[in-house]
Amino acid sequence: MGEVVTVERRGNIALITLNRPEARNAIPPEMLVRLADAWTVVRDNPEIRVAMVTGAGDKAFCSGADLGRFIPLMSRARPPEDEWDRRLLADKEMLGRGLLRTSTWSSR
């Protein structure tokens, strides 16, 4: 599997692609953390004026959270398995940042 989130800059536009078409771009912990990182890149680059989010494949833009991965992790029914799980558990604001539910955008 390649990168689950890609960020491509086209002039003043950031194109963020959810890249898990085999799972209808369902968001596992890794994708959520990478989305939060992508939003930080967009926020911190004054040349980026617009961000567009798209989904790879032709079945779905995004089918939502990968609950089979999230629920056991967040309920502690399974231990963290990789750096993405650990980063998500270590930062209580990661979920909100990744899904843009909270904003720490500064004025430019």
Protein backbone atom coordinates (compact mmCIF):
# COMPACT_ATOMS: atom_id res chain seq x y z
CA MET A 1 0.00 0.00 0.00
CA GLY A 2 1.24 3.50 -0.83
CA GLU A 3 0.69 6.65 1.15
CA VAL A 4 -2.83 6.75 2.60
CA VAL A 5 -2.87 10.56 2.31
CA THR A 6 -1.06 12.53 -0.34
CA VAL A 7 -0.59 16.28 -0.46
CA GLU A 8 0.20 17.86 -3.79
CA ARG A 9 0.67 21.56 -4.31
CA ARG A 10 -0.58 23.11 -7.53
CA GLY A 11 0.27 26.79 -7.35
CA ASN A 12 -1.77 28.21 -4.47
CA ILE A 13 -3.88 25.06 -4.17
CA ALA A 14 -3.20 22.05 -1.94
CA LEU A 15 -4.76 18.84 -3.25
CA ILE A 16 -5.19 16.37 -0.41
CA THR A 17 -6.11 12.86 -1.53
CA LEU A 18 -7.46 10.09 0.69
CA ASN A 19 -5.80 7.05 -0.85
CA ARG A 20 -7.40 3.87 0.38
CA PRO A 21 -9.82 3.03 -2.43
CA GLU A 22 -9.91 -0.68 -1.56
CA ALA A 23 -11.63 0.33 1.72
CA ARG A 24 -13.70 3.14 0.16
CA ASN A 25 -11.21 5.55 1.76
CA ALA A 26 -12.32 4.63 5.28
CA ILE A 27 -10.14 6.51 7.78
CA PRO A 28 -7.91 4.34 10.02
CA PRO A 29 -5.62 5.89 12.66
CA GLU A 30 -2.74 6.36 10.20
CA MET A 31 -4.91 8.32 7.76
CA LEU A 32 -6.28 10.51 10.54
CA VAL A 33 -2.79 11.38 11.80
CA ARG A 34 -1.58 12.06 8.26
CA LEU A 35 -4.62 14.30 7.66
CA ALA A 36 -3.77 16.29 10.79
CA ASP A 37 -0.21 16.63 9.48
CA ALA A 38 -1.54 17.73 6.06
CA TRP A 39 -3.68 20.45 7.65
CA THR A 40 -0.62 21.71 9.51
CA VAL A 41 1.27 21.96 6.21
CA VAL A 42 -1.62 23.87 4.64
CA ARG A 43 -1.98 26.19 7.64
CA ASP A 44 1.73 26.95 7.84
CA ASN A 45 2.31 27.65 4.14
CA PRO A 46 1.26 31.24 3.38
CA GLU A 47 1.33 30.51 -0.37
CA ILE A 48 -1.50 27.98 -0.10
CA ARG A 49 -4.86 29.71 -0.40
CA VAL A 50 -7.18 26.77 -1.06
CA ALA A 51 -7.21 23.14 0.02
CA MET A 52 -9.25 20.56 -1.85
CA VAL A 53 -9.86 17.10 -0.47
CA THR A 54 -10.61 14.20 -2.79
CA GLY A 55 -10.80 10.44 -2.53
CA ALA A 56 -8.95 7.94 -4.70
CA GLY A 57 -10.94 5.41 -6.68
CA ASP A 58 -14.39 5.61 -8.16
CA LYS A 59 -16.58 4.03 -5.46
CA ALA A 60 -16.60 6.58 -2.62
CA PHE A 61 -15.05 9.86 -1.54
CA CYS A 62 -14.82 8.58 2.05
CA SER A 63 -16.94 6.03 3.86
CA GLY A 64 -16.09 7.47 7.30
CA ALA A 65 -13.95 6.10 10.08
CA ASP A 66 -12.53 2.59 9.94
CA LEU A 67 -14.40 1.55 13.07
CA GLY A 68 -12.77 -1.88 13.14
CA ARG A 69 -9.45 -0.13 13.77
CA PHE A 70 -10.63 2.88 15.81
CA ILE A 71 -13.02 1.42 18.38
CA PRO A 72 -10.68 -1.28 19.74
CA LEU A 73 -7.81 1.24 19.90
CA MET A 74 -9.76 4.05 21.54
CA SER A 75 -11.49 1.71 24.02
CA ARG A 76 -8.11 0.14 24.82
CA ALA A 77 -9.35 -3.29 23.71
CA ARG A 78 -6.20 -3.48 21.60
CA PRO A 79 -2.80 -1.97 22.29
CA PRO A 80 -1.24 0.53 19.89
CA GLU A 81 0.42 -1.38 17.06
CA ASP A 82 2.42 1.31 15.30
CA GLU A 83 3.55 4.93 15.41
CA TRP A 84 0.19 6.14 14.06
CA ASP A 85 -1.75 4.47 16.88
CA ARG A 86 0.70 5.87 19.44
CA ARG A 87 0.53 9.39 18.03
CA LEU A 88 -3.26 9.32 18.04
CA LEU A 89 -3.42 8.12 21.65
CA ALA A 90 -0.75 10.58 22.81
CA ASP A 91 -2.53 13.67 21.45
CA LYS A 92 -6.10 14.17 22.62
CA GLU A 93 -6.66 16.89 20.01
CA MET A 94 -5.48 14.80 17.03
CA LEU A 95 -8.96 13.57 16.12
CA GLY A 96 -10.37 17.09 16.00
CA ARG A 97 -7.41 18.43 14.01
CA GLY A 98 -7.46 15.61 11.49
CA LEU A 99 -11.15 16.07 10.79
CA LEU A 100 -11.05 19.86 11.12
CA ARG A 101 -13.47 19.71 14.03
CA THR A 102 -11.33 22.16 15.96
CA SER A 103 -9.34 25.01 14.57
CA THR A 104 -5.99 26.39 15.60
CA TRP A 105 -5.64 28.45 12.44
CA SER A 106 -3.80 31.67 12.93
CA SER A 107 -4.45 34.72 10.84
CA ARG A 108 -1.85 35.30 8.19
